[in-house]
Each structure stands twice: as C-alpha cells, then as structure tokens.
Amino acid sequence: MVSTTQELSTSRARYGASVHESIRQADWDEWNRLRDPKSDPFLDPRYILAVENSMGSVCKFRHVLVRDNVGRTAAIACLCSYAVDGGVLAEGGAKQVASLISRLAPPLLRFRLLLCGLPISTGSCHLRFAPFADRAPVLRHLNGIAQDFAREEGCHGLLFKEFTPEECRDLGPLGAMGYRRADSLPMNCVPAVYHSFEDYLSRIRSAKRRIIRRSREKFAGFGFKVENRLGGEGAAEIYTDEVHRLYEAVLARASVRFESLPAEYFRELARQLPENTLFTFVSREGRIVAFSTTLLCQNLFDQLFIGLDYSLNRDCDLYFNIFFEALAAAFERGPRRIYVGQTSDEFKHQKLSSFQVPLSLYVKSCSWWGRTALALGFSSFFPPRPLREDRHSHA
C-alpha cells in the first residue's frame, strides 16, 4: 500500500494532499475533524474500512486529505474505481438500446467509473470541506488526483456522487472542469417526530391507519419473531449465506441496480461498527425470512438494505412489515433524521408518510466518444427525477 503527497499552487492558496490506498494509512484523528460523528456515519473510517474489506476484490481506493499551506486539513474525500453494468443502470428508452447491445456485444456495456464516493448506494457523498477551504482550488486539486487515478485504472468516466442541494453550493467550480450536473434518485425520508410506531399510527389519516393495521394483522397471524440486534450483539454470525440470499432476491427485482453487495459487506458492517449498525431479523420456526440493515448514530437512522422470502410475501405483507419494524426501531431511538432509501417511492410515501430530498451527480467522460455520447443523449443517460408534489408537506 502506498501513500503519496501532491501539491497545487494558486494565486490565493497552496494546497497539498496525502493520498492513501487504504483508509488504514490515513490519520483517523485528522480525518474525523471534518465529519460530525453524531450525524455523519458514512465517512467514519470504520465504515470505509468495512467497504474496503468486503469490496476490495472489485474496487481500488484512494482516500485524500487536502491541506493548506499551514498544514490545516481543508478537505477529505474518498475515491474508488468501480465497474458497472450499463444495461442494469439503463432506464426508459435507453434500456431497450442496452438490451439490444447486451445480446450483440455484452462487453460494450461494461463501464469502469472513477467515483468520488464509495461503490454503495447510500445516498450520501464522501467529500467534506473545512469552513475556511477555498472550494475552487481544492476541487481542482481533487479533480487532478481523480483524473490521474482514472487513467491508471482505464476508467471511462468520472462521477461525483451524491449531493444534497446544500452540498451542491460548494461544487459550482466543477462545471469549469467539464462536469455536468444531473439528478440522482431522491432520498426518501420519514418525519422524525414520532415516539413509537403506535404514536405514528395514531397521528396519520384513518384510511391509511386501517390499511397499515390490516397489514400488521396479517403479519402477526404468521407467528413471526422479530429481533433487533446491534452489530456487536452477534449480527455478523447470524448473517449467514442463507440470509444473504434474501438480499439477493430483493436485488433481483430492483429496477435500478448500481451494485451487488457480497455477504461480507453486511458482516463487516457489524464487525467494524458494532454500536452503529442495527440488524432487524424476522424469523419463523427458527429460520430467518426477512431482515433490514441500518446504519445509525445519534442524529441519523439510515435504513440501508433489506432482504425477504418472497414466497411468504403475498400472504403476510412481509415486504411492508420489515420496513414497519425498522421504523419502529427508529422512532424508539429518537434521531433527528430517518432515511429509508432511494427506491419504492410510492410505497414509502403511502405507507411510511415519507417526503423526498433531491440528490445530484456530477459526471464527465474520459474520452472524446464519451463526451459526444453525453452531449447527444445526456437526458437518456441521466433522466430528470422530479420530486413528488408533496415534497414540502413534512419538511
């Protein structure tokens, strides 16, 4: 593993950076100065290490600490190279084209991207600035590091992901570097104003309450056992390959699949973040039939991934109820924000009363033909993703 140092001089500031192939090499105390441990678990070095340990066979990483000319940490960022299947990501008319290409020439749909971020769909970015940092030169420096890494890896494009509107205010200089801003899938958020799931039910419309209670009654009638386990309470051992196949069943039905996670990712979350991961297991007759995995800290409850046995779903609403159980655990902990993922928008709005937060990507190609393709069909590759009309109702 190698750490390197690079410098960038400007008329206003001089910035240097240490670049590490593993988060193990970085100074964790320095890294943590630019993240809030109460609200920012995805930049926790332990989370990054969990991703490295489980995804290292398919990714390469660079972790960057940018410093100013007096040694203050100005920014931190995670970079990784990751191959994606364009056919899986395509939507709408682009999906039909991708399906044809997949039959005629499958390798043409395999793209290696250089991400500013990690190769997991969490709806969170992996770039932070210090308040004093001059964004433009810092971003130029980071872009230079990213482009060098992209050339080493033979990447087809660079992608900065995923940023809230507030975070996007820092990223305007990327436009002058050839990046284009696009919509990502919005994040669904549940209002964090309830004290329990029963409190939630008592305060929603009666028609919605009746539907949820009916679903809960179906679930209760099957005699399921529900157990919440922190990562440090043996979750890694409980998460067997058989349990992982429940995640794969959900993934197989997903309309958009950026990544396919190995079982070791979930185990590493439990090992590296024993107090910051929560696994909700649903079992019947000693066999786990559904689960939910959540990353949590004092102010945030982020429900990440689920798995379930679809053979039971029709009779007991297993899909709905694994979310209800995770939400009950969230309300009991009283975080300031509750996130429930970037898909199944209608269900999450109808059953969980969710609202949406827009997220953005910044993308550019590494080749002339890629730039031409983006110029001609940008909206096909990155379609607009308008929020629901009710987006401000719980803000």
Protein backbone atom coordinates (compact mmCIF):
# COMPACT_ATOMS: atom_id res chain seq x y z
CA MET A 1 0.00 0.00 0.00
CA VAL A 2 1.27 3.45 -0.94
CA SER A 3 0.68 6.95 0.36
CA THR A 4 1.71 9.91 -1.77
CA THR A 5 1.75 13.67 -1.45
CA GLN A 6 0.84 16.17 -4.17
CA GLU A 7 0.77 19.97 -4.25
CA LEU A 8 -1.20 22.61 -6.13
CA SER A 9 -0.25 26.30 -6.15
CA THR A 10 -2.67 29.12 -6.93
CA SER A 11 -2.54 32.87 -6.57
CA ARG A 12 -4.73 32.62 -3.47
CA ALA A 13 -3.57 29.48 -1.71
CA ARG A 14 -1.31 26.49 -1.91
CA TYR A 15 -2.80 23.10 -1.25
CA GLY A 16 -1.16 19.75 -0.84
CA ALA A 17 -2.69 16.33 -0.35
CA SER A 18 -1.81 12.96 1.06
CA VAL A 19 -3.33 10.14 -0.99
CA HIS A 20 -3.76 6.72 0.60
CA GLU A 21 -4.64 3.40 -1.00
CA SER A 22 -6.32 2.30 2.22
CA ILE A 23 -8.06 4.22 4.98
CA ARG A 24 -5.78 2.29 7.35
CA GLN A 25 -2.92 4.54 6.25
CA ALA A 26 -4.73 7.82 6.95
CA ASP A 27 -4.60 9.69 10.26
CA TRP A 28 -8.07 8.90 11.61
CA ASP A 29 -8.00 11.75 14.12
CA GLU A 30 -7.27 14.23 11.32
CA TRP A 31 -9.91 12.63 9.07
CA ASN A 32 -12.56 12.80 11.77
CA ARG A 33 -12.07 16.54 12.29
CA LEU A 34 -14.09 17.17 9.13
CA ARG A 35 -17.04 14.94 9.95
CA ASP A 36 -19.66 15.12 12.67
CA PRO A 37 -19.73 11.75 14.49
CA LYS A 38 -23.31 12.45 15.59
CA SER A 39 -24.61 12.79 12.00
CA ASP A 40 -22.04 11.51 9.51
CA PRO A 41 -21.51 7.73 9.74
CA PHE A 42 -20.67 7.15 6.07
CA LEU A 43 -17.36 8.99 6.39
CA ASP A 44 -16.47 7.13 9.59
CA PRO A 45 -13.11 5.45 8.86
CA ARG A 46 -14.57 2.23 10.26
CA TYR A 47 -17.37 2.28 7.68
CA ILE A 48 -14.84 2.96 4.91
CA LEU A 49 -12.75 0.05 6.20
CA ALA A 50 -15.80 -2.22 6.10
CA VAL A 51 -16.27 -1.29 2.42
CA GLU A 52 -12.59 -1.87 1.68
CA ASN A 53 -12.53 -5.24 3.41
CA SER A 54 -15.62 -6.51 1.58
CA MET A 55 -15.29 -4.84 -1.84
CA GLY A 56 -11.52 -4.78 -2.29
CA SER A 57 -11.62 -7.59 -4.86
CA VAL A 58 -13.69 -5.47 -7.28
CA CYS A 59 -12.59 -1.91 -6.40
CA LYS A 60 -9.47 0.12 -5.86
CA PHE A 61 -9.50 3.05 -3.45
CA ARG A 62 -7.78 6.36 -2.86
CA HIS A 63 -8.51 8.38 0.28
CA VAL A 64 -7.46 12.01 0.09
CA LEU A 65 -6.65 14.55 2.79
CA VAL A 66 -6.16 18.03 1.31
CA ARG A 67 -4.20 20.52 3.45
CA ASP A 68 -3.47 24.22 3.07
CA ASN A 69 -0.02 25.79 3.20
CA VAL A 70 0.00 25.94 7.01
CA GLY A 71 -0.99 22.32 7.40
CA ARG A 72 -4.69 22.70 8.19
CA THR A 73 -6.97 19.98 6.82
CA ALA A 74 -9.06 21.67 4.12
CA ALA A 75 -10.97 18.68 2.70
CA ILE A 76 -11.31 14.92 2.81
CA ALA A 77 -12.61 12.65 0.05
CA CYS A 78 -12.94 9.00 -0.90
CA LEU A 79 -12.22 7.93 -4.48
CA CYS A 80 -12.67 4.49 -5.97
CA SER A 81 -12.66 2.79 -9.34
CA TYR A 82 -15.62 0.51 -9.94
CA ALA A 83 -17.01 -1.36 -12.94
CA VAL A 84 -20.75 -1.07 -13.56
CA ASP A 85 -23.12 -2.74 -16.00
CA GLY A 86 -24.71 -0.09 -18.17
CA GLY A 87 -27.53 -2.47 -19.06
CA VAL A 88 -28.56 -2.75 -15.42
CA LEU A 89 -28.42 1.01 -14.88
CA ALA A 90 -30.29 1.98 -18.03
CA GLU A 91 -33.88 3.20 -17.86
CA GLY A 92 -36.67 4.04 -20.30
CA GLY A 93 -35.68 4.08 -23.97
CA ALA A 94 -32.03 3.61 -23.06
CA LYS A 95 -32.90 0.25 -21.51
CA GLN A 96 -34.19 -1.04 -24.85
CA VAL A 97 -30.96 0.01 -26.57
CA ALA A 98 -28.93 -1.56 -23.75
CA SER A 99 -30.88 -4.81 -24.07
CA LEU A 100 -30.01 -4.99 -27.78
CA ILE A 101 -26.32 -4.28 -27.12
CA SER A 102 -26.24 -6.90 -24.34
CA ARG A 103 -27.30 -9.52 -26.87
CA LEU A 104 -24.90 -8.42 -29.60
CA ALA A 105 -21.81 -7.24 -27.71
CA PRO A 106 -22.06 -7.50 -23.89
CA PRO A 107 -18.56 -6.06 -23.17
CA LEU A 108 -19.68 -2.72 -24.61
CA LEU A 109 -21.99 -2.25 -21.63
CA ARG A 110 -19.27 -2.73 -19.02
CA PHE A 111 -18.00 0.64 -17.81
CA ARG A 112 -15.33 1.40 -15.26
CA LEU A 113 -16.05 4.62 -13.41
CA LEU A 114 -13.87 6.71 -11.17
CA LEU A 115 -16.13 7.69 -8.30
CA CYS A 116 -15.77 10.47 -5.83
CA GLY A 117 -17.65 8.36 -3.35
CA LEU A 118 -17.88 4.71 -2.41
CA PRO A 119 -19.47 1.97 -4.56
CA ILE A 120 -22.53 1.59 -2.32
CA SER A 121 -25.94 3.17 -2.92
CA THR A 122 -26.41 5.02 0.37
CA GLY A 123 -27.47 8.44 -0.93
CA SER A 124 -24.54 10.08 0.85
CA CYS A 125 -21.47 11.86 -0.51
CA HIS A 126 -17.89 11.25 0.54
CA LEU A 127 -16.45 14.75 0.24
CA ARG A 128 -16.19 17.26 3.07
CA PHE A 129 -14.70 20.76 3.22
CA ALA A 130 -13.38 22.71 6.18
CA PRO A 131 -15.21 26.05 6.58
CA PHE A 132 -12.09 28.02 5.60
CA ALA A 133 -11.31 25.99 2.47
CA ASP A 134 -11.27 27.79 -0.90
CA ARG A 135 -13.53 25.44 -2.84
CA ALA A 136 -12.31 26.12 -6.38
CA PRO A 137 -8.58 25.30 -5.91
CA VAL A 138 -9.38 22.40 -3.60
CA LEU A 139 -11.71 20.91 -6.22
CA ARG A 140 -9.13 21.47 -8.97
CA HIS A 141 -6.59 19.62 -6.88
CA LEU A 142 -9.01 16.79 -6.14
CA ASN A 143 -10.02 16.59 -9.82
CA GLY A 144 -6.36 16.27 -10.80
CA ILE A 145 -5.88 13.39 -8.35
CA ALA A 146 -9.08 11.75 -9.61
CA GLN A 147 -8.04 12.08 -13.27
CA ASP A 148 -4.63 10.54 -12.59
CA PHE A 149 -6.31 7.65 -10.78
CA ALA A 150 -8.82 7.27 -13.64
CA ARG A 151 -6.00 6.99 -16.19
CA GLU A 152 -4.25 4.35 -14.07
CA GLU A 153 -7.45 2.31 -13.92
CA GLY A 154 -8.55 2.82 -17.53
CA CYS A 155 -11.80 4.43 -16.43
CA HIS A 156 -14.40 5.60 -18.95
CA GLY A 157 -15.78 8.43 -16.84
CA LEU A 158 -15.67 10.33 -13.55
CA LEU A 159 -18.67 10.61 -11.26
CA PHE A 160 -19.01 12.74 -8.13
CA LYS A 161 -21.97 11.35 -6.12
CA GLU A 162 -24.45 12.04 -4.31
CA PHE A 163 -25.01 15.61 -3.10
CA THR A 164 -27.88 17.45 -1.45
CA PRO A 165 -28.82 20.93 -2.72
CA GLU A 166 -26.90 22.46 0.18
CA GLU A 167 -23.79 20.44 -0.63
CA CYS A 168 -24.07 21.37 -4.31
CA ARG A 169 -23.42 25.02 -3.42
CA ASP A 170 -19.78 24.06 -2.87
CA LEU A 171 -19.44 22.30 -6.22
CA GLY A 172 -20.06 25.04 -8.78
CA PRO A 173 -16.36 25.06 -9.83
CA LEU A 174 -16.76 21.52 -11.22
CA GLY A 175 -18.62 22.99 -14.21
CA ALA A 176 -15.45 24.75 -15.39
CA MET A 177 -13.65 21.39 -15.21
CA GLY A 178 -16.01 19.73 -17.68
CA TYR A 179 -18.51 18.13 -15.30
CA ARG A 180 -22.25 18.22 -15.87
CA ARG A 181 -24.76 18.12 -13.05
CA ALA A 182 -27.54 15.51 -13.19
CA ASP A 183 -30.31 14.22 -10.97
CA SER A 184 -29.73 11.14 -8.87
CA LEU A 185 -32.54 9.15 -7.31
CA PRO A 186 -34.03 11.25 -4.48
CA MET A 187 -33.77 10.07 -0.90
CA ASN A 188 -36.97 9.12 0.91
CA CYS A 189 -37.14 10.45 4.45
CA VAL A 190 -39.65 9.74 7.22
CA PRO A 191 -40.56 12.62 9.58
CA ALA A 192 -38.65 12.08 12.82
CA VAL A 193 -41.43 13.44 15.03
CA TYR A 194 -42.97 10.25 16.42
CA HIS A 195 -42.12 8.49 19.69
CA SER A 196 -43.15 4.99 18.61
CA PHE A 197 -44.82 3.18 15.75
CA GLU A 198 -48.11 3.30 17.65
CA ASP A 199 -47.67 7.06 18.02
CA TYR A 200 -47.17 7.24 14.25
CA LEU A 201 -50.33 5.24 13.61
CA SER A 202 -52.37 7.39 15.98
CA ARG A 203 -51.42 10.58 14.13
CA ILE A 204 -51.92 9.61 10.48
CA ARG A 205 -55.15 9.63 8.48
CA SER A 206 -57.67 6.98 9.49
CA ALA A 207 -57.82 5.44 5.99
CA LYS A 208 -54.05 4.94 5.92
CA ARG A 209 -54.11 3.68 9.52
CA ARG A 210 -56.68 1.00 8.65
CA ILE A 211 -54.57 -0.25 5.72
CA ILE A 212 -51.43 -0.48 7.86
CA ARG A 213 -53.24 -2.18 10.76
CA ARG A 214 -54.66 -4.76 8.35
CA SER A 215 -51.15 -5.44 7.04
CA ARG A 216 -49.84 -5.73 10.60
CA GLU A 217 -52.60 -8.19 11.50
CA LYS A 218 -51.70 -10.40 8.54
CA PHE A 219 -48.09 -10.32 9.67
CA ALA A 220 -48.96 -11.13 13.30
CA GLY A 221 -51.05 -14.08 12.24
CA PHE A 222 -47.97 -15.94 10.97
CA GLY A 223 -46.28 -16.06 14.36
CA PHE A 224 -43.11 -14.30 13.29
CA LYS A 225 -40.37 -13.47 15.78
CA VAL A 226 -38.80 -10.02 15.37
CA GLU A 227 -35.39 -9.33 16.86
CA ASN A 228 -33.23 -6.20 16.70
CA ARG A 229 -29.51 -6.84 17.05
CA LEU A 230 -26.73 -4.28 17.15
CA GLY A 231 -23.70 -5.31 15.14
CA GLY A 232 -21.81 -6.06 18.34
CA GLU A 233 -24.53 -8.43 19.51
CA GLY A 234 -23.57 -11.26 17.18
CA ALA A 235 -25.16 -9.94 13.97
CA ALA A 236 -22.19 -10.99 11.80
CA GLU A 237 -22.61 -14.62 12.87
CA ILE A 238 -26.38 -14.56 12.35
CA TYR A 239 -25.94 -13.11 8.84
CA THR A 240 -25.30 -16.41 7.04
CA ASP A 241 -25.10 -17.07 3.33
CA GLU A 242 -28.70 -18.27 3.52
CA VAL A 243 -29.77 -14.91 4.96
CA HIS A 244 -27.81 -13.14 2.23
CA ARG A 245 -29.87 -14.91 -0.43
CA LEU A 246 -32.84 -12.91 0.87
CA TYR A 247 -30.98 -9.71 -0.08
CA GLU A 248 -30.20 -11.19 -3.50
CA ALA A 249 -33.90 -11.92 -4.02
CA VAL A 250 -34.74 -8.25 -3.46
CA LEU A 251 -31.84 -7.13 -5.64
CA ALA A 252 -33.07 -9.32 -8.50
CA ARG A 253 -36.36 -7.40 -8.55
CA ALA A 254 -34.85 -3.92 -8.30
CA SER A 255 -35.48 -1.62 -11.26
CA VAL A 256 -32.05 0.05 -10.89
CA ARG A 257 -29.03 -1.82 -9.51
CA PHE A 258 -25.79 0.10 -9.12
CA GLU A 259 -24.03 -2.58 -7.09
CA SER A 260 -24.39 -6.19 -5.97
CA LEU A 261 -23.07 -6.46 -2.44
CA PRO A 262 -21.35 -9.57 -1.09
CA ALA A 263 -22.43 -11.13 2.20
CA GLU A 264 -19.14 -9.99 3.69
CA TYR A 265 -20.22 -6.34 3.37
CA PHE A 266 -23.01 -6.89 5.89
CA ARG A 267 -20.77 -8.87 8.22
CA GLU A 268 -18.07 -6.24 8.06
CA LEU A 269 -20.60 -3.53 8.95
CA ALA A 270 -21.43 -5.47 12.11
CA ARG A 271 -17.77 -6.07 12.96
CA GLN A 272 -16.40 -2.60 12.26
CA LEU A 273 -19.38 -0.61 13.59
CA PRO A 274 -20.69 -2.72 16.47
CA GLU A 275 -22.64 0.16 18.08
CA ASN A 276 -23.64 1.91 14.85
CA THR A 277 -25.30 -0.91 12.91
CA LEU A 278 -28.70 -2.40 13.63
CA PHE A 279 -29.99 -5.62 12.08
CA THR A 280 -33.70 -6.33 12.28
CA PHE A 281 -34.27 -10.05 11.77
CA VAL A 282 -37.69 -11.63 11.19
CA SER A 283 -37.80 -15.39 11.71
CA ARG A 284 -40.36 -18.18 11.58
CA GLU A 285 -39.85 -21.65 13.03
CA GLY A 286 -36.17 -20.88 13.58
CA ARG A 287 -35.48 -19.66 10.02
CA ILE A 288 -34.81 -16.02 9.15
CA VAL A 289 -37.25 -14.97 6.43
CA ALA A 290 -36.55 -11.22 6.26
CA PHE A 291 -34.06 -8.67 7.52
CA SER A 292 -33.24 -4.99 7.45
CA THR A 293 -29.81 -3.40 7.88
CA THR A 294 -29.46 0.11 9.28
CA LEU A 295 -26.56 2.46 9.90
CA LEU A 296 -27.22 4.73 12.85
CA CYS A 297 -25.71 7.38 15.07
CA GLN A 298 -27.12 9.94 17.49
CA ASN A 299 -28.85 12.13 14.90
CA LEU A 300 -29.33 9.72 11.97
CA PHE A 301 -31.14 6.44 11.32
CA ASP A 302 -30.40 5.29 7.76
CA GLN A 303 -32.19 2.11 6.76
CA LEU A 304 -29.95 0.75 4.01
CA PHE A 305 -30.88 -2.67 2.66
CA ILE A 306 -33.50 -5.37 3.14
CA GLY A 307 -33.96 -9.00 2.22
CA LEU A 308 -37.01 -11.25 2.29
CA ASP A 309 -38.51 -14.55 1.27
CA TYR A 310 -40.96 -13.59 -1.47
CA SER A 311 -42.81 -16.90 -1.19
CA LEU A 312 -44.30 -15.57 2.07
CA ASN A 313 -44.84 -12.01 0.95
CA ARG A 314 -48.27 -12.30 -0.63
CA ASP A 315 -49.93 -13.81 2.44
CA CYS A 316 -48.29 -11.73 5.18
CA ASP A 317 -47.06 -8.47 3.57
CA LEU A 318 -43.51 -9.30 4.58
CA TYR A 319 -42.05 -6.52 2.42
CA PHE A 320 -44.17 -3.84 4.07
CA ASN A 321 -43.69 -5.16 7.56
CA ILE A 322 -39.90 -5.33 7.52
CA PHE A 323 -40.00 -1.58 6.91
CA PHE A 324 -42.56 -1.11 9.68
CA GLU A 325 -40.31 -3.00 12.11
CA ALA A 326 -37.26 -0.95 11.14
CA LEU A 327 -39.26 2.24 11.51
CA ALA A 328 -40.44 1.21 14.97
CA ALA A 329 -36.79 0.78 15.98
CA ALA A 330 -36.02 4.23 14.55
CA PHE A 331 -38.79 6.00 16.46
CA GLU A 332 -37.63 4.39 19.72
CA ARG A 333 -34.14 5.89 19.26
CA GLY A 334 -35.34 9.42 18.53
CA PRO A 335 -32.93 10.53 15.75
CA ARG A 336 -33.27 13.87 14.00
CA ARG A 337 -33.36 12.29 10.53
CA ILE A 338 -34.73 8.97 9.29
CA TYR A 339 -33.79 7.82 5.78
CA VAL A 340 -35.46 4.83 4.10
CA GLY A 341 -33.67 4.61 0.76
CA GLN A 342 -33.93 5.81 -2.83
CA THR A 343 -36.40 3.34 -4.36
CA SER A 344 -40.03 2.18 -3.85
CA ASP A 345 -41.06 5.82 -3.61
CA GLU A 346 -44.80 5.31 -3.82
CA PHE A 347 -44.94 2.65 -1.12
CA LYS A 348 -42.78 4.72 1.21
CA HIS A 349 -44.99 7.75 0.69
CA GLN A 350 -48.28 5.86 1.08
CA LYS A 351 -47.31 3.60 3.99
CA LEU A 352 -44.45 5.45 5.70
CA SER A 353 -45.51 9.09 5.06
CA SER A 354 -42.11 9.81 3.57
CA PHE A 355 -41.00 13.01 1.88
CA GLN A 356 -38.10 13.38 -0.54
CA VAL A 357 -34.74 15.14 -0.62
CA PRO A 358 -33.21 15.69 -4.10
CA LEU A 359 -29.71 14.41 -4.76
CA SER A 360 -27.32 15.32 -7.58
CA LEU A 361 -24.43 13.76 -9.50
CA TYR A 362 -21.57 15.43 -11.39
CA VAL A 363 -20.29 13.49 -14.37
CA LYS A 364 -17.76 13.80 -17.18
CA SER A 365 -16.31 11.41 -19.72
CA CYS A 366 -12.67 10.46 -20.08
CA SER A 367 -12.85 10.09 -23.89
CA TRP A 368 -13.98 12.10 -26.89
CA TRP A 369 -16.58 9.49 -27.87
CA GLY A 370 -17.96 9.50 -24.33
CA ARG A 371 -18.20 13.28 -24.35
CA THR A 372 -20.01 13.09 -27.69
CA ALA A 373 -22.45 10.50 -26.36
CA LEU A 374 -23.19 12.60 -23.29
CA ALA A 375 -23.67 15.71 -25.40
CA LEU A 376 -26.17 13.93 -27.67
CA GLY A 377 -28.07 11.88 -25.11
CA PHE A 378 -27.45 13.29 -21.65
CA SER A 379 -31.12 13.15 -20.61
CA SER A 380 -31.31 9.50 -21.68
CA PHE A 381 -28.35 8.54 -19.55
CA PHE A 382 -29.34 10.81 -16.67
CA PRO A 383 -33.10 11.48 -16.85
CA PRO A 384 -34.66 14.24 -14.74
CA ARG A 385 -36.08 12.92 -11.48
CA PRO A 386 -38.75 15.33 -10.28
CA LEU A 387 -39.82 15.08 -6.66
CA ARG A 388 -43.34 14.21 -5.64
CA GLU A 389 -45.72 17.13 -5.33
CA ASP A 390 -45.96 16.64 -1.59
CA ARG A 391 -42.26 17.15 -1.06
CA HIS A 392 -42.65 20.05 1.39
CA SER A 393 -45.50 18.62 3.43
CA HIS A 394 -43.25 17.24 6.16
CA ALA A 395 -40.20 19.46 5.76
